[in-house]
Amino acid sequence: MLIDTSLNHQKYIEDCEICCNPIQILVVIENQEIASFQAKSIEQ
């Protein structure tokens, strides 16, 4: 997974590389460093 640190706030859905279930990703960037990272399974 690549994270673009030039964006302050990122929220997107990506498929798990192992089971293909969707995962919601939330990343907060401060001073071009990751301040917060959350990954939550979205069960189907």
N, C-alpha and C. Protein backbone atom coordinates (compact mmCIF):
# COMPACT_ATOMS: atom_id res chain seq x y z
N MET A 1 0.84 -1.16 0.00
CA MET A 1 0.00 0.00 0.00
C MET A 1 0.90 1.23 0.00
N LEU A 2 0.62 2.15 -0.90
CA LEU A 2 1.36 3.40 -0.97
C LEU A 2 0.49 4.53 -0.43
N ILE A 3 1.09 5.40 0.36
CA ILE A 3 0.38 6.54 0.94
C ILE A 3 1.05 7.81 0.47
N ASP A 4 0.27 8.71 -0.12
CA ASP A 4 0.77 9.99 -0.62
C ASP A 4 0.77 10.99 0.54
N THR A 5 1.94 11.35 1.04
CA THR A 5 2.03 12.26 2.20
C THR A 5 1.85 13.73 1.82
N SER A 6 1.61 14.02 0.54
CA SER A 6 1.36 15.41 0.14
C SER A 6 -0.11 15.78 0.36
N LEU A 7 -0.96 14.79 0.64
CA LEU A 7 -2.38 15.04 0.92
C LEU A 7 -2.61 14.96 2.42
N ASN A 8 -3.34 15.94 2.99
CA ASN A 8 -3.53 16.00 4.44
C ASN A 8 -4.49 14.94 4.96
N HIS A 9 -5.49 14.58 4.18
CA HIS A 9 -6.51 13.66 4.64
C HIS A 9 -6.88 12.74 3.49
N GLN A 10 -6.81 11.44 3.72
CA GLN A 10 -7.15 10.47 2.68
C GLN A 10 -8.12 9.44 3.24
N LYS A 11 -9.19 9.19 2.50
CA LYS A 11 -10.15 8.16 2.88
C LYS A 11 -10.55 7.44 1.60
N TYR A 12 -10.33 6.14 1.57
CA TYR A 12 -10.66 5.38 0.38
C TYR A 12 -10.89 3.92 0.74
N ILE A 13 -11.37 3.15 -0.22
CA ILE A 13 -11.63 1.73 -0.03
C ILE A 13 -10.70 0.95 -0.96
N GLU A 14 -10.06 -0.06 -0.39
CA GLU A 14 -9.12 -0.90 -1.15
C GLU A 14 -9.44 -2.36 -0.84
N ASP A 15 -9.31 -3.23 -1.82
CA ASP A 15 -9.55 -4.66 -1.60
C ASP A 15 -8.34 -5.30 -0.92
N CYS A 16 -8.62 -6.18 0.03
CA CYS A 16 -7.57 -6.94 0.70
C CYS A 16 -6.83 -7.80 -0.33
N GLU A 17 -5.52 -7.81 -0.27
CA GLU A 17 -4.72 -8.58 -1.22
C GLU A 17 -4.84 -10.08 -1.01
N ILE A 18 -5.29 -10.51 0.17
CA ILE A 18 -5.38 -11.94 0.48
C ILE A 18 -6.79 -12.48 0.24
N CYS A 19 -7.81 -11.82 0.83
CA CYS A 19 -9.17 -12.35 0.75
C CYS A 19 -10.10 -11.57 -0.17
N CYS A 20 -9.63 -10.45 -0.71
CA CYS A 20 -10.38 -9.61 -1.65
C CYS A 20 -11.57 -8.88 -1.03
N ASN A 21 -11.76 -8.96 0.29
CA ASN A 21 -12.82 -8.18 0.94
C ASN A 21 -12.40 -6.72 1.00
N PRO A 22 -13.37 -5.79 0.92
CA PRO A 22 -13.04 -4.37 0.95
C PRO A 22 -12.59 -3.91 2.34
N ILE A 23 -11.64 -3.00 2.35
CA ILE A 23 -11.12 -2.40 3.57
C ILE A 23 -11.18 -0.89 3.41
N GLN A 24 -11.78 -0.20 4.41
CA GLN A 24 -11.80 1.26 4.40
C GLN A 24 -10.51 1.77 5.04
N ILE A 25 -9.79 2.62 4.34
CA ILE A 25 -8.53 3.17 4.80
C ILE A 25 -8.74 4.65 5.11
N LEU A 26 -8.28 5.09 6.28
CA LEU A 26 -8.33 6.50 6.66
C LEU A 26 -6.94 6.90 7.14
N VAL A 27 -6.37 7.92 6.49
CA VAL A 27 -5.02 8.37 6.82
C VAL A 27 -5.05 9.88 7.04
N VAL A 28 -4.41 10.34 8.12
CA VAL A 28 -4.26 11.77 8.39
C VAL A 28 -2.77 12.07 8.37
N ILE A 29 -2.39 13.09 7.60
CA ILE A 29 -1.00 13.49 7.44
C ILE A 29 -0.80 14.86 8.09
N GLU A 30 0.25 14.99 8.89
CA GLU A 30 0.64 16.28 9.46
C GLU A 30 2.13 16.46 9.23
N ASN A 31 2.53 17.60 8.68
CA ASN A 31 3.94 17.89 8.40
C ASN A 31 4.58 16.80 7.54
N GLN A 32 3.83 16.32 6.57
CA GLN A 32 4.26 15.28 5.64
C GLN A 32 4.65 13.97 6.33
N GLU A 33 4.07 13.71 7.50
CA GLU A 33 4.25 12.45 8.22
C GLU A 33 2.89 11.89 8.59
N ILE A 34 2.79 10.58 8.67
CA ILE A 34 1.53 9.94 9.03
C ILE A 34 1.25 10.18 10.51
N ALA A 35 0.16 10.92 10.80
CA ALA A 35 -0.24 11.20 12.17
C ALA A 35 -1.25 10.16 12.66
N SER A 36 -2.06 9.63 11.74
CA SER A 36 -3.08 8.65 12.11
C SER A 36 -3.33 7.73 10.91
N PHE A 37 -3.49 6.44 11.21
CA PHE A 37 -3.79 5.46 10.17
C PHE A 37 -4.81 4.48 10.73
N GLN A 38 -5.91 4.28 10.00
CA GLN A 38 -6.92 3.31 10.40
C GLN A 38 -7.30 2.45 9.20
N ALA A 39 -7.45 1.18 9.43
CA ALA A 39 -7.91 0.25 8.40
C ALA A 39 -9.05 -0.57 9.01
N LYS A 40 -10.23 -0.51 8.38
CA LYS A 40 -11.40 -1.17 8.93
C LYS A 40 -12.03 -2.06 7.86
N SER A 41 -12.27 -3.31 8.21
CA SER A 41 -12.91 -4.24 7.28
C SER A 41 -14.35 -3.83 7.03
N ILE A 42 -14.75 -3.90 5.78
CA ILE A 42 -16.14 -3.63 5.41
C ILE A 42 -16.70 -4.96 4.93
N GLU A 43 -17.29 -5.71 5.84
CA GLU A 43 -17.81 -7.05 5.52
C GLU A 43 -18.93 -6.95 4.51
N GLN A 44 -18.95 -7.89 3.58
CA GLN A 44 -20.03 -7.93 2.59
C GLN A 44 -20.89 -9.14 2.81
